[in-house]
Protein backbone atom coordinates (compact mmCIF):
# COMPACT_ATOMS: atom_id res chain seq x y z
CA MET A 1 -26.12 6.04 -2.10
CA SER A 2 -22.67 4.56 -1.64
CA ALA A 3 -20.87 4.20 1.64
CA PRO A 4 -18.59 7.08 2.62
CA ARG A 5 -15.01 6.59 1.53
CA ALA A 6 -12.22 6.36 4.08
CA PRO A 7 -10.44 9.65 4.76
CA PHE A 8 -6.87 10.08 3.52
CA VAL A 9 -5.78 11.00 7.05
CA THR A 10 -7.11 10.36 10.55
CA ARG A 11 -6.83 12.27 13.81
CA PRO A 12 -4.32 9.77 15.31
CA GLU A 13 -2.11 10.14 12.22
CA ILE A 14 -2.10 13.93 12.54
CA GLN A 15 -1.50 13.65 16.26
CA ALA A 16 1.46 11.33 15.70
CA ARG A 17 3.03 13.64 13.12
CA HIS A 18 2.22 17.09 14.59
CA PRO A 19 1.23 16.62 18.27
CA ARG A 20 2.06 20.14 19.48
CA GLU A 21 0.56 21.89 16.49
CA LEU A 22 -2.67 19.91 16.80
CA ALA A 23 -2.82 20.61 20.53
CA VAL A 24 -2.46 24.36 19.91
CA LEU A 25 -4.87 24.50 16.99
CA ALA A 26 -7.58 22.09 18.17
CA ALA A 27 -7.73 22.53 21.94
CA ASP A 28 -11.17 23.30 23.26
CA GLU A 29 -11.23 26.71 24.96
CA LYS A 30 -12.82 25.36 28.14
CA THR A 31 -11.40 21.87 28.62
CA ARG A 32 -8.02 22.36 26.88
CA GLU A 33 -8.54 18.90 25.34
CA ILE A 34 -8.33 18.30 21.60
CA ASP A 35 -11.81 18.58 20.10
CA ALA A 36 -11.89 15.16 18.43
CA VAL A 37 -15.14 15.81 16.57
CA ARG A 38 -13.82 18.97 14.88
CA VAL A 39 -10.55 17.27 13.94
CA ASP A 40 -12.34 14.20 12.57
CA ASN A 41 -14.65 16.46 10.55
CA ALA A 42 -11.64 18.38 9.22
CA CYS A 43 -10.05 15.08 8.14
CA ALA A 44 -13.22 14.07 6.30
CA ASP A 45 -13.53 17.54 4.70
CA ALA A 46 -9.88 17.49 3.61
CA SER A 47 -10.44 14.13 1.94
CA VAL A 48 -13.52 15.43 0.14
CA GLU A 49 -11.57 18.46 -1.04
CA ILE A 50 -8.72 16.26 -2.33
CA ARG A 51 -11.14 13.98 -4.17
CA GLY A 52 -12.82 17.04 -5.70
CA ILE A 53 -9.52 18.43 -6.97
CA LEU A 54 -8.32 15.09 -8.36
CA ALA A 55 -11.70 14.16 -9.90
CA SER A 56 -10.69 15.54 -13.29
CA ARG A 57 -8.00 12.86 -13.57
CA TYR A 58 -8.82 10.04 -11.13
CA THR A 59 -12.07 8.19 -10.51
CA PRO A 60 -13.09 7.49 -6.91
CA ASP A 61 -12.18 3.83 -7.49
CA ASP A 62 -8.73 4.85 -8.76
CA LEU A 63 -8.13 6.77 -5.54
CA GLU A 64 -9.14 3.71 -3.51
CA ARG A 65 -6.49 1.66 -5.36
CA VAL A 66 -3.58 4.08 -4.95
CA ASP A 67 -0.38 2.29 -3.89
CA ALA A 68 1.34 2.87 -0.53
CA GLU A 69 3.60 5.66 -1.76
CA GLY A 70 0.70 7.51 -3.39
CA ALA A 71 -1.36 7.10 -0.22
CA ALA A 72 1.52 8.60 1.79
CA VAL A 73 1.63 11.61 -0.54
CA LEU A 74 -2.12 12.12 -0.24
CA ARG A 75 -1.83 11.78 3.55
CA LEU A 76 0.73 14.61 3.67
CA TYR A 77 -1.52 16.90 1.65
CA ALA A 78 -4.54 15.86 3.73
CA ILE A 79 -2.69 16.74 6.95
CA ASP A 80 -1.97 20.28 5.75
CA ILE A 81 -5.53 20.75 4.51
CA ALA A 82 -7.06 19.31 7.71
CA LEU A 83 -4.87 21.49 9.96
CA TYR A 84 -5.92 24.54 7.95
CA ARG A 85 -9.60 23.61 8.35
CA VAL A 86 -9.14 23.01 12.08
CA SER A 87 -7.40 26.35 12.47
CA LEU A 88 -10.27 28.09 10.67
CA SER A 89 -12.91 26.39 12.79
CA PHE A 90 -11.19 27.63 15.96
CA GLY A 91 -10.20 31.03 14.55
CA ARG A 92 -6.50 30.21 15.03
CA SER A 93 -5.17 30.43 11.51
CA SER A 94 -1.61 31.54 10.89
CA GLU A 95 0.41 32.51 7.86
CA THR A 96 2.37 29.25 8.04
CA ILE A 97 -0.80 27.13 8.10
CA GLU A 98 -2.27 29.11 5.19
CA LYS A 99 0.92 28.72 3.13
CA ARG A 100 1.03 24.97 3.75
CA TYR A 101 -2.63 24.69 2.74
CA ALA A 102 -2.07 26.72 -0.43
CA ALA A 103 0.99 24.64 -1.35
CA ALA A 104 -0.92 21.36 -0.84
CA VAL A 105 -3.82 22.54 -3.00
CA ALA A 106 -1.44 23.80 -5.69
CA ARG A 107 0.37 20.44 -5.80
CA LEU A 108 -2.94 18.58 -6.04
CA ARG A 109 -4.09 20.83 -8.89
CA ASP A 110 -0.80 20.20 -10.69
CA MET A 111 -1.32 16.48 -10.22
CA ALA A 112 -4.85 16.76 -11.61
CA ALA A 113 -3.42 18.65 -14.61
CA GLY A 114 -0.95 15.86 -15.34
CA LYS A 115 2.18 17.46 -13.87
CA GLY A 116 2.50 14.59 -11.43
CA ALA A 117 0.84 11.24 -10.89
CA LEU A 118 -0.23 8.62 -8.43
CA THR A 119 0.32 4.96 -9.21
CA VAL A 120 -2.84 2.92 -9.10
CA ALA A 121 -3.22 -0.85 -8.81
CA PRO A 122 -5.10 -2.51 -11.70
CA ALA A 123 -8.86 -2.74 -11.33
CA GLY A 124 -10.54 -6.09 -10.82
CA GLY A 125 -8.41 -7.63 -8.11
CA PRO A 126 -6.43 -10.86 -8.69
CA ALA A 127 -7.91 -11.56 -12.14
CA ALA A 128 -6.60 -8.22 -13.42
CA ALA A 129 -3.20 -8.89 -11.91
CA GLU A 130 -2.82 -11.96 -14.18
CA GLY A 131 -2.78 -9.71 -17.24
CA PRO A 132 0.19 -7.63 -18.34
CA ALA A 133 1.97 -6.09 -15.38
CA THR A 134 1.56 -2.35 -15.59
CA SER A 135 2.22 0.21 -12.97
CA GLY A 136 1.25 3.65 -14.05
CA SER A 137 -1.25 6.36 -13.71
CA PRO A 138 -4.64 6.76 -15.31
CA ASN A 139 -4.59 8.41 -18.73
CA GLU A 140 -1.10 7.05 -19.36
CA VAL A 141 -0.69 5.68 -22.87
CA VAL A 142 0.36 2.03 -22.89
CA ILE A 143 0.86 0.23 -26.18
CA ASP A 144 0.87 -3.54 -26.43
CA ALA A 145 1.17 -4.44 -30.11
CA PRO A 146 2.14 -7.63 -31.93
CA GLU A 147 5.59 -7.98 -33.46
CA ARG A 148 5.97 -6.28 -36.85
CA LEU A 149 5.61 -8.60 -39.83
CA PHE A 150 7.34 -6.51 -42.49
CA THR A 151 10.78 -5.29 -41.48
CA ARG A 152 13.92 -4.44 -43.42
CA ARG A 153 15.71 -7.47 -41.99
CA ARG A 154 13.02 -9.88 -43.24
CA PHE A 155 13.26 -8.44 -46.74
CA GLY A 156 17.05 -8.72 -46.85
CA GLY A 157 17.74 -5.06 -46.09
CA ALA A 158 20.15 -3.53 -43.60
CA ALA A 159 19.47 -3.99 -39.93
């Protein structure tokens, strides 16, 4: 069994981006403090959901090698999914939260269908970086062919 993968978003990141919303959605009824365990679980669940949606296009290793911009995109979607899960766990869902969740899932499904992409660093670390420099997404066609031997110019034809 492999070690659990890092979540795409953490409680402090959600708190930094949406402090009031998190305080309203995740406050314990008795203590009025944010229930850290529920929020952390929602972050982990959101990450699992994202990985499940993107599994048709990206391997788990691909998602670990996503560049900074791709990680920021996944973090935004993870925030909306995690807030939705927190709101459900406390029974505090709203139409706005549900719409943001639905939009995030729709965008992830589009990405999995090839209507968007994440850029992934080459596998293999520094040794892979010595090869041809490519920055693209998985399933992207890249052709590296030798120069053509038989061309019109070589046979005295027009350019």
